[in-house]
Amino acid sequence: MNTSILLITISGNDRPGIVHEIASVVHRHGGNWEQSQLIHLSGKFVGLLQVMVEEEKREALRLDLLKIADLELTIAEGSHEEEQKGNVFQVRLIGADHPGIVSEIFGAAAELGLNVESMTTHTEAAADSGVLLFKAESRLSAGPKIDSLHIAERFERLAPDLLVEVTVDDQV
């Protein structure tokens, strides 16, 4: 049996039942819901989803997904090849929120050849002062020549200018 991997991006006004509706379509076509990241942002439902389906059912699944009312979907083909990730690091950042913080930190990550595998960010008021804090947690991968000390040193050079604390840990 030949299978296809579909990578689906979803966006639309949030309402109860969206996940069930998508999952029902996937199930009806014999697809397997493998991975997803779903979130409510500014009144919208936004998601990323990876589905595996038999190749001969791929087009019918795609067409039925696109029929779901009030959702914008983009569907792309994924790959069965496993990526060689090398070293993997967990990076956490916290600091005063301001424009440019993500650009500066992840610009430095790109200079080091780090690949962002996942990232979550949010803002919240500091308990003691009410100042808006920016928090980020990311999983980064790199080749074998990069280690957590090297990454931490590079981010620490940015920290005073950006008013952030950055921690880097090897991920097992």
N, C-alpha and C. Protein backbone atom coordinates (compact mmCIF):
# COMPACT_ATOMS: atom_id res chain seq x y z
N MET A 1 0.85 -1.19 0.00
CA MET A 1 0.00 0.00 0.00
C MET A 1 0.89 1.25 0.00
N ASN A 2 0.72 2.11 -1.00
CA ASN A 2 1.44 3.37 -1.05
C ASN A 2 0.64 4.42 -0.31
N THR A 3 1.33 5.20 0.50
CA THR A 3 0.66 6.24 1.27
C THR A 3 1.23 7.61 0.94
N SER A 4 0.41 8.60 1.20
CA SER A 4 0.80 10.00 1.04
C SER A 4 0.71 10.67 2.40
N ILE A 5 1.59 11.63 2.60
CA ILE A 5 1.53 12.47 3.78
C ILE A 5 1.02 13.83 3.33
N LEU A 6 -0.07 14.28 3.95
CA LEU A 6 -0.62 15.60 3.65
C LEU A 6 -0.34 16.53 4.82
N LEU A 7 0.16 17.70 4.52
CA LEU A 7 0.39 18.75 5.51
C LEU A 7 -0.68 19.81 5.28
N ILE A 8 -1.52 20.02 6.28
CA ILE A 8 -2.70 20.85 6.13
C ILE A 8 -2.61 22.04 7.07
N THR A 9 -2.75 23.25 6.53
CA THR A 9 -2.86 24.43 7.38
C THR A 9 -4.33 24.87 7.36
N ILE A 10 -4.82 25.27 8.51
CA ILE A 10 -6.24 25.56 8.70
C ILE A 10 -6.37 26.93 9.36
N SER A 11 -7.33 27.71 8.91
CA SER A 11 -7.60 29.00 9.53
C SER A 11 -9.06 29.35 9.31
N GLY A 12 -9.71 29.87 10.34
CA GLY A 12 -11.09 30.30 10.20
C GLY A 12 -11.63 30.82 11.51
N ASN A 13 -12.82 31.39 11.46
CA ASN A 13 -13.46 31.85 12.70
C ASN A 13 -13.66 30.65 13.61
N ASP A 14 -13.30 30.82 14.88
CA ASP A 14 -13.42 29.71 15.82
C ASP A 14 -14.88 29.43 16.12
N ARG A 15 -15.18 28.15 16.25
CA ARG A 15 -16.52 27.69 16.60
C ARG A 15 -16.42 26.27 17.12
N PRO A 16 -17.36 25.85 17.94
CA PRO A 16 -17.34 24.47 18.41
C PRO A 16 -17.49 23.49 17.24
N GLY A 17 -16.77 22.38 17.31
CA GLY A 17 -16.93 21.32 16.33
C GLY A 17 -15.96 21.31 15.17
N ILE A 18 -15.09 22.30 15.05
CA ILE A 18 -14.17 22.34 13.91
C ILE A 18 -13.28 21.09 13.89
N VAL A 19 -12.67 20.76 15.02
CA VAL A 19 -11.76 19.61 15.06
C VAL A 19 -12.51 18.33 14.72
N HIS A 20 -13.71 18.17 15.27
CA HIS A 20 -14.51 16.99 14.97
C HIS A 20 -14.82 16.91 13.48
N GLU A 21 -15.17 18.02 12.88
CA GLU A 21 -15.51 18.04 11.45
C GLU A 21 -14.32 17.62 10.60
N ILE A 22 -13.15 18.17 10.89
CA ILE A 22 -11.94 17.81 10.14
C ILE A 22 -11.60 16.34 10.37
N ALA A 23 -11.63 15.91 11.64
CA ALA A 23 -11.29 14.53 11.98
C ALA A 23 -12.25 13.54 11.32
N SER A 24 -13.52 13.90 11.22
CA SER A 24 -14.50 13.01 10.59
C SER A 24 -14.20 12.83 9.10
N VAL A 25 -13.82 13.90 8.44
CA VAL A 25 -13.47 13.81 7.01
C VAL A 25 -12.23 12.94 6.84
N VAL A 26 -11.22 13.16 7.68
CA VAL A 26 -10.00 12.35 7.60
C VAL A 26 -10.34 10.89 7.82
N HIS A 27 -11.12 10.60 8.84
CA HIS A 27 -11.50 9.22 9.16
C HIS A 27 -12.30 8.56 8.04
N ARG A 28 -13.24 9.30 7.48
CA ARG A 28 -14.10 8.78 6.40
C ARG A 28 -13.27 8.31 5.19
N HIS A 29 -12.12 8.92 5.00
CA HIS A 29 -11.25 8.55 3.87
C HIS A 29 -10.13 7.60 4.29
N GLY A 30 -10.22 7.07 5.51
CA GLY A 30 -9.22 6.11 5.97
C GLY A 30 -7.89 6.76 6.32
N GLY A 31 -7.89 8.06 6.52
CA GLY A 31 -6.65 8.77 6.86
C GLY A 31 -6.30 8.61 8.32
N ASN A 32 -5.04 8.79 8.63
CA ASN A 32 -4.55 8.72 10.00
C ASN A 32 -4.04 10.10 10.40
N TRP A 33 -4.66 10.67 11.43
CA TRP A 33 -4.28 11.97 11.99
C TRP A 33 -3.03 11.72 12.80
N GLU A 34 -1.84 12.14 12.32
CA GLU A 34 -0.58 11.79 12.95
C GLU A 34 -0.05 12.85 13.92
N GLN A 35 0.00 14.09 13.49
CA GLN A 35 0.53 15.16 14.33
C GLN A 35 -0.29 16.41 14.08
N SER A 36 -0.37 17.26 15.10
CA SER A 36 -1.07 18.53 14.88
C SER A 36 -0.66 19.54 15.95
N GLN A 37 -0.85 20.78 15.61
CA GLN A 37 -0.74 21.90 16.52
C GLN A 37 -1.96 22.76 16.23
N LEU A 38 -2.84 22.91 17.20
CA LEU A 38 -4.08 23.66 17.03
C LEU A 38 -4.15 24.72 18.11
N ILE A 39 -4.65 25.91 17.74
CA ILE A 39 -4.69 26.99 18.72
C ILE A 39 -5.77 28.00 18.37
N HIS A 40 -6.25 28.69 19.38
CA HIS A 40 -7.19 29.80 19.23
C HIS A 40 -6.36 31.08 19.33
N LEU A 41 -6.38 31.89 18.27
CA LEU A 41 -5.64 33.15 18.25
C LEU A 41 -6.56 34.27 17.76
N SER A 42 -6.75 35.28 18.57
CA SER A 42 -7.52 36.47 18.18
C SER A 42 -8.87 36.11 17.55
N GLY A 43 -9.58 35.18 18.17
CA GLY A 43 -10.90 34.81 17.68
C GLY A 43 -10.89 33.84 16.52
N LYS A 44 -9.72 33.43 16.09
CA LYS A 44 -9.60 32.51 14.96
C LYS A 44 -9.11 31.15 15.44
N PHE A 45 -9.52 30.12 14.72
CA PHE A 45 -8.99 28.78 14.92
C PHE A 45 -7.88 28.62 13.89
N VAL A 46 -6.69 28.25 14.35
CA VAL A 46 -5.54 28.11 13.46
C VAL A 46 -4.89 26.77 13.77
N GLY A 47 -4.51 26.04 12.73
CA GLY A 47 -3.91 24.74 12.97
C GLY A 47 -3.00 24.27 11.87
N LEU A 48 -2.14 23.36 12.26
CA LEU A 48 -1.27 22.62 11.36
C LEU A 48 -1.52 21.15 11.64
N LEU A 49 -1.63 20.36 10.60
CA LEU A 49 -2.02 18.97 10.76
C LEU A 49 -1.27 18.11 9.75
N GLN A 50 -0.79 16.96 10.21
CA GLN A 50 -0.17 15.97 9.32
C GLN A 50 -1.05 14.74 9.30
N VAL A 51 -1.45 14.35 8.09
CA VAL A 51 -2.33 13.19 7.89
C VAL A 51 -1.66 12.23 6.93
N MET A 52 -1.73 10.93 7.23
CA MET A 52 -1.28 9.91 6.28
C MET A 52 -2.52 9.25 5.71
N VAL A 53 -2.52 9.06 4.39
CA VAL A 53 -3.66 8.47 3.70
C VAL A 53 -3.16 7.66 2.51
N GLU A 54 -3.91 6.63 2.14
CA GLU A 54 -3.56 5.84 0.96
C GLU A 54 -3.57 6.77 -0.26
N GLU A 55 -2.59 6.57 -1.15
CA GLU A 55 -2.45 7.47 -2.30
C GLU A 55 -3.73 7.57 -3.12
N GLU A 56 -4.42 6.45 -3.31
CA GLU A 56 -5.64 6.49 -4.15
C GLU A 56 -6.79 7.23 -3.47
N LYS A 57 -6.69 7.52 -2.18
CA LYS A 57 -7.74 8.26 -1.47
C LYS A 57 -7.35 9.72 -1.22
N ARG A 58 -6.12 10.07 -1.57
CA ARG A 58 -5.58 11.41 -1.29
C ARG A 58 -6.42 12.51 -1.91
N GLU A 59 -6.75 12.42 -3.18
CA GLU A 59 -7.46 13.51 -3.86
C GLU A 59 -8.87 13.67 -3.33
N ALA A 60 -9.57 12.56 -3.07
CA ALA A 60 -10.93 12.65 -2.52
C ALA A 60 -10.90 13.29 -1.12
N LEU A 61 -9.91 12.92 -0.32
CA LEU A 61 -9.76 13.53 1.01
C LEU A 61 -9.51 15.03 0.87
N ARG A 62 -8.60 15.39 -0.01
CA ARG A 62 -8.27 16.80 -0.22
C ARG A 62 -9.53 17.58 -0.62
N LEU A 63 -10.29 17.07 -1.56
CA LEU A 63 -11.49 17.77 -2.02
C LEU A 63 -12.54 17.91 -0.92
N ASP A 64 -12.72 16.86 -0.11
CA ASP A 64 -13.69 16.93 0.99
C ASP A 64 -13.24 17.90 2.09
N LEU A 65 -11.95 17.93 2.36
CA LEU A 65 -11.46 18.90 3.35
C LEU A 65 -11.72 20.33 2.89
N LEU A 66 -11.52 20.58 1.61
CA LEU A 66 -11.72 21.94 1.07
C LEU A 66 -13.18 22.36 1.08
N LYS A 67 -14.12 21.41 1.23
CA LYS A 67 -15.55 21.71 1.27
C LYS A 67 -16.02 22.16 2.65
N ILE A 68 -15.18 22.02 3.68
CA ILE A 68 -15.60 22.40 5.03
C ILE A 68 -15.87 23.90 5.06
N ALA A 69 -17.07 24.25 5.50
CA ALA A 69 -17.53 25.64 5.48
C ALA A 69 -16.71 26.54 6.39
N ASP A 70 -16.47 27.73 5.92
CA ASP A 70 -15.87 28.82 6.70
C ASP A 70 -14.46 28.54 7.18
N LEU A 71 -13.73 27.66 6.51
CA LEU A 71 -12.33 27.41 6.84
C LEU A 71 -11.48 27.64 5.60
N GLU A 72 -10.33 28.23 5.80
CA GLU A 72 -9.34 28.32 4.73
C GLU A 72 -8.33 27.21 4.97
N LEU A 73 -8.12 26.38 3.96
CA LEU A 73 -7.17 25.28 4.08
C LEU A 73 -6.16 25.35 2.95
N THR A 74 -4.93 25.01 3.30
CA THR A 74 -3.87 24.82 2.32
C THR A 74 -3.36 23.41 2.54
N ILE A 75 -3.23 22.65 1.48
CA ILE A 75 -2.82 21.25 1.60
C ILE A 75 -1.58 21.03 0.74
N ALA A 76 -0.52 20.54 1.35
CA ALA A 76 0.74 20.28 0.65
C ALA A 76 1.15 18.84 0.88
N GLU A 77 1.99 18.33 0.00
CA GLU A 77 2.51 16.97 0.13
C GLU A 77 3.71 16.98 1.08
N GLY A 78 3.71 16.04 2.00
CA GLY A 78 4.86 15.84 2.88
C GLY A 78 5.77 14.77 2.32
N SER A 79 6.81 14.44 3.07
CA SER A 79 7.79 13.45 2.63
C SER A 79 7.87 12.31 3.65
N HIS A 80 8.11 11.11 3.15
CA HIS A 80 8.29 9.95 4.01
C HIS A 80 9.71 9.86 4.56
N GLU A 81 10.63 10.67 4.02
CA GLU A 81 12.03 10.59 4.43
C GLU A 81 12.21 11.19 5.81
N GLU A 82 12.92 10.48 6.68
CA GLU A 82 13.25 11.00 8.00
C GLU A 82 14.42 11.95 7.87
N GLU A 83 14.31 13.09 8.53
CA GLU A 83 15.39 14.06 8.50
C GLU A 83 16.45 13.70 9.53
N GLN A 84 17.69 13.96 9.18
CA GLN A 84 18.79 13.81 10.13
C GLN A 84 18.88 15.11 10.92
N LYS A 85 18.59 15.04 12.20
CA LYS A 85 18.50 16.26 13.01
C LYS A 85 19.80 16.65 13.69
N GLY A 86 20.71 15.74 13.89
CA GLY A 86 21.93 16.10 14.61
C GLY A 86 21.62 16.37 16.06
N ASN A 87 22.24 17.41 16.60
CA ASN A 87 22.02 17.79 18.00
C ASN A 87 20.71 18.58 18.13
N VAL A 88 20.00 18.34 19.23
CA VAL A 88 18.74 19.03 19.47
C VAL A 88 18.84 19.77 20.79
N PHE A 89 18.33 21.01 20.81
CA PHE A 89 18.44 21.87 21.98
C PHE A 89 17.09 22.47 22.33
N GLN A 90 16.87 22.65 23.63
CA GLN A 90 15.70 23.33 24.14
C GLN A 90 16.15 24.74 24.53
N VAL A 91 15.52 25.75 23.97
CA VAL A 91 15.88 27.14 24.27
C VAL A 91 14.66 27.83 24.86
N ARG A 92 14.85 28.46 26.03
CA ARG A 92 13.80 29.21 26.69
C ARG A 92 14.25 30.66 26.83
N LEU A 93 13.32 31.56 26.59
CA LEU A 93 13.62 32.99 26.65
C LEU A 93 12.52 33.69 27.42
N ILE A 94 12.89 34.63 28.25
CA ILE A 94 11.91 35.47 28.95
C ILE A 94 12.51 36.87 29.07
N GLY A 95 11.68 37.86 28.83
CA GLY A 95 12.15 39.23 28.94
C GLY A 95 11.03 40.21 28.67
N ALA A 96 11.36 41.48 28.84
CA ALA A 96 10.39 42.54 28.57
C ALA A 96 9.99 42.49 27.10
N ASP A 97 8.69 42.49 26.86
CA ASP A 97 8.21 42.40 25.48
C ASP A 97 8.49 43.70 24.74
N HIS A 98 8.96 43.57 23.52
CA HIS A 98 9.18 44.72 22.64
C HIS A 98 9.34 44.23 21.20
N PRO A 99 9.05 45.08 20.24
CA PRO A 99 9.21 44.68 18.84
C PRO A 99 10.66 44.31 18.53
N GLY A 100 10.83 43.26 17.73
CA GLY A 100 12.17 42.87 17.28
C GLY A 100 12.82 41.75 18.06
N ILE A 101 12.25 41.36 19.19
CA ILE A 101 12.87 40.36 20.04
C ILE A 101 13.02 39.01 19.32
N VAL A 102 11.98 38.57 18.62
CA VAL A 102 12.04 37.30 17.90
C VAL A 102 13.04 37.39 16.74
N SER A 103 13.02 38.51 16.05
CA SER A 103 13.94 38.69 14.92
C SER A 103 15.40 38.63 15.38
N GLU A 104 15.72 39.29 16.45
CA GLU A 104 17.11 39.31 16.94
C GLU A 104 17.58 37.94 17.40
N ILE A 105 16.78 37.28 18.24
CA ILE A 105 17.18 35.97 18.77
C ILE A 105 17.29 34.93 17.66
N PHE A 106 16.27 34.88 16.81
CA PHE A 106 16.30 33.83 15.79
C PHE A 106 17.15 34.21 14.59
N GLY A 107 17.53 35.47 14.49
CA GLY A 107 18.57 35.85 13.53
C GLY A 107 19.90 35.26 13.97
N ALA A 108 20.18 35.35 15.27
CA ALA A 108 21.40 34.75 15.81
C ALA A 108 21.37 33.23 15.66
N ALA A 109 20.20 32.63 15.85
CA ALA A 109 20.07 31.18 15.68
C ALA A 109 20.37 30.79 14.23
N ALA A 110 19.86 31.56 13.30
CA ALA A 110 20.10 31.27 11.88
C ALA A 110 21.59 31.41 11.54
N GLU A 111 22.24 32.43 12.10
CA GLU A 111 23.69 32.61 11.87
C GLU A 111 24.48 31.39 12.35
N LEU A 112 24.00 30.74 13.40
CA LEU A 112 24.67 29.56 13.93
C LEU A 112 24.30 28.28 13.16
N GLY A 113 23.38 28.41 12.21
CA GLY A 113 22.95 27.25 11.44
C GLY A 113 21.92 26.40 12.17
N LEU A 114 21.21 27.01 13.13
CA LEU A 114 20.19 26.28 13.89
C LEU A 114 18.87 26.28 13.12
N ASN A 115 18.19 25.16 13.17
CA ASN A 115 16.89 25.01 12.53
C ASN A 115 15.82 24.99 13.62
N VAL A 116 14.78 25.80 13.46
CA VAL A 116 13.68 25.82 14.41
C VAL A 116 12.75 24.66 14.07
N GLU A 117 12.68 23.68 14.97
CA GLU A 117 11.78 22.54 14.78
C GLU A 117 10.42 22.81 15.37
N SER A 118 10.37 23.55 16.48
CA SER A 118 9.09 23.96 17.05
C SER A 118 9.33 25.19 17.92
N MET A 119 8.28 25.99 18.05
CA MET A 119 8.41 27.19 18.88
C MET A 119 7.02 27.59 19.35
N THR A 120 6.92 27.94 20.62
CA THR A 120 5.70 28.54 21.15
C THR A 120 6.09 29.83 21.83
N THR A 121 5.25 30.83 21.69
CA THR A 121 5.50 32.12 22.33
C THR A 121 4.20 32.63 22.93
N HIS A 122 4.33 33.46 23.94
CA HIS A 122 3.17 34.16 24.46
C HIS A 122 3.65 35.34 25.29
N THR A 123 2.72 36.24 25.58
CA THR A 123 3.02 37.37 26.46
C THR A 123 2.12 37.26 27.68
N GLU A 124 2.63 37.78 28.79
CA GLU A 124 1.83 37.82 30.02
C GLU A 124 2.37 38.93 30.90
N ALA A 125 1.52 39.44 31.76
CA ALA A 125 1.93 40.50 32.68
C ALA A 125 2.76 39.91 33.81
N ALA A 126 3.86 40.58 34.14
CA ALA A 126 4.70 40.15 35.26
C ALA A 126 3.89 40.30 36.55
N ALA A 127 4.00 39.32 37.45
CA ALA A 127 3.22 39.31 38.68
C ALA A 127 3.51 40.52 39.56
N ASP A 128 4.77 40.91 39.64
CA ASP A 128 5.14 41.97 40.57
C ASP A 128 4.94 43.38 40.01
N SER A 129 5.13 43.58 38.71
CA SER A 129 5.11 44.93 38.16
C SER A 129 4.03 45.17 37.11
N GLY A 130 3.47 44.10 36.55
CA GLY A 130 2.49 44.27 35.49
C GLY A 130 3.11 44.53 34.12
N VAL A 131 4.45 44.62 34.07
CA VAL A 131 5.15 44.81 32.79
C VAL A 131 4.86 43.60 31.91
N LEU A 132 4.65 43.84 30.63
CA LEU A 132 4.35 42.75 29.71
C LEU A 132 5.64 41.98 29.41
N LEU A 133 5.61 40.67 29.71
CA LEU A 133 6.75 39.79 29.46
C LEU A 133 6.52 38.97 28.21
N PHE A 134 7.58 38.74 27.47
CA PHE A 134 7.56 37.86 26.31
C PHE A 134 8.24 36.58 26.72
N LYS A 135 7.57 35.44 26.44
CA LYS A 135 8.15 34.14 26.76
C LYS A 135 8.15 33.29 25.50
N ALA A 136 9.26 32.60 25.28
CA ALA A 136 9.36 31.71 24.12
C ALA A 136 10.02 30.42 24.56
N GLU A 137 9.55 29.33 23.99
CA GLU A 137 10.18 28.03 24.17
C GLU A 137 10.32 27.43 22.79
N SER A 138 11.53 26.98 22.48
CA SER A 138 11.75 26.43 21.15
C SER A 138 12.63 25.20 21.22
N ARG A 139 12.47 24.40 20.19
CA ARG A 139 13.29 23.20 20.00
C ARG A 139 14.07 23.47 18.72
N LEU A 140 15.40 23.50 18.84
CA LEU A 140 16.27 23.83 17.73
C LEU A 140 17.18 22.65 17.44
N SER A 141 17.51 22.44 16.17
CA SER A 141 18.44 21.37 15.82
C SER A 141 19.61 21.96 15.04
N ALA A 142 20.74 21.24 15.12
CA ALA A 142 21.96 21.69 14.45
C ALA A 142 22.84 20.49 14.17
N GLY A 143 23.84 20.71 13.35
CA GLY A 143 24.81 19.67 13.06
C GLY A 143 25.67 19.38 14.28
N PRO A 144 26.51 18.36 14.18
CA PRO A 144 27.29 17.91 15.34
C PRO A 144 28.35 18.92 15.83
N LYS A 145 28.69 19.92 15.04
CA LYS A 145 29.73 20.87 15.46
C LYS A 145 29.21 21.95 16.40
N ILE A 146 27.91 22.03 16.58
CA ILE A 146 27.31 23.04 17.46
C ILE A 146 26.92 22.37 18.77
N ASP A 147 27.29 23.00 19.89
CA ASP A 147 26.89 22.48 21.20
C ASP A 147 26.14 23.56 21.97
N SER A 148 25.53 23.18 23.08
CA SER A 148 24.70 24.11 23.84
C SER A 148 25.51 25.27 24.40
N LEU A 149 26.76 25.06 24.76
CA LEU A 149 27.60 26.13 25.28
C LEU A 149 27.82 27.20 24.21
N HIS A 150 28.10 26.77 22.99
CA HIS A 150 28.29 27.70 21.87
C HIS A 150 27.04 28.53 21.63
N ILE A 151 25.88 27.88 21.67
CA ILE A 151 24.60 28.58 21.46
C ILE A 151 24.36 29.56 22.60
N ALA A 152 24.54 29.10 23.83
CA ALA A 152 24.31 29.96 25.00
C ALA A 152 25.19 31.19 24.97
N GLU A 153 26.46 31.03 24.60
CA GLU A 153 27.38 32.17 24.52
C GLU A 153 26.90 33.19 23.50
N ARG A 154 26.42 32.72 22.36
CA ARG A 154 25.94 33.64 21.32
C ARG A 154 24.70 34.39 21.80
N PHE A 155 23.76 33.68 22.41
CA PHE A 155 22.54 34.34 22.90
C PHE A 155 22.84 35.27 24.07
N GLU A 156 23.77 34.91 24.92
CA GLU A 156 24.12 35.77 26.06
C GLU A 156 24.67 37.12 25.61
N ARG A 157 25.32 37.16 24.45
CA ARG A 157 25.82 38.44 23.93
C ARG A 157 24.65 39.36 23.54
N LEU A 158 23.52 38.78 23.16
CA LEU A 158 22.34 39.57 22.80
C LEU A 158 21.51 39.98 24.02
N ALA A 159 21.54 39.17 25.06
CA ALA A 159 20.63 39.31 26.20
C ALA A 159 20.62 40.71 26.82
N PRO A 160 21.77 41.33 27.10
CA PRO A 160 21.71 42.65 27.75
C PRO A 160 21.02 43.71 26.89
N ASP A 161 21.25 43.68 25.58
CA ASP A 161 20.62 44.67 24.70
C ASP A 161 19.13 44.43 24.57
N LEU A 162 18.72 43.17 24.59
CA LEU A 162 17.31 42.82 24.42
C LEU A 162 16.55 42.74 25.74
N LEU A 163 17.25 42.84 26.86
CA LEU A 163 16.65 42.72 28.19
C LEU A 163 15.92 41.39 28.35
N VAL A 164 16.62 40.31 28.03
CA VAL A 164 16.05 38.97 28.13
C VAL A 164 17.00 38.04 28.86
N GLU A 165 16.44 36.95 29.37
CA GLU A 165 17.21 35.83 29.89
C GLU A 165 16.98 34.67 28.94
N VAL A 166 18.06 34.00 28.58
CA VAL A 166 17.97 32.87 27.66
C VAL A 166 18.64 31.67 28.31
N THR A 167 17.97 30.51 28.28
CA THR A 167 18.58 29.27 28.75
C THR A 167 18.58 28.27 27.59
N VAL A 168 19.67 27.53 27.50
CA VAL A 168 19.84 26.53 26.45
C VAL A 168 20.20 25.21 27.10
N ASP A 169 19.46 24.17 26.77
CA ASP A 169 19.73 22.83 27.30
C ASP A 169 19.81 21.84 26.16
N ASP A 170 20.69 20.85 26.32
CA ASP A 170 20.71 19.74 25.38
C ASP A 170 19.43 18.95 25.59
N GLN A 171 18.84 18.48 24.51
CA GLN A 171 17.65 17.66 24.63
C GLN A 171 18.02 16.22 24.33
N VAL A 172 17.55 15.33 25.18
CA VAL A 172 17.87 13.93 25.02
C VAL A 172 16.80 13.25 24.20
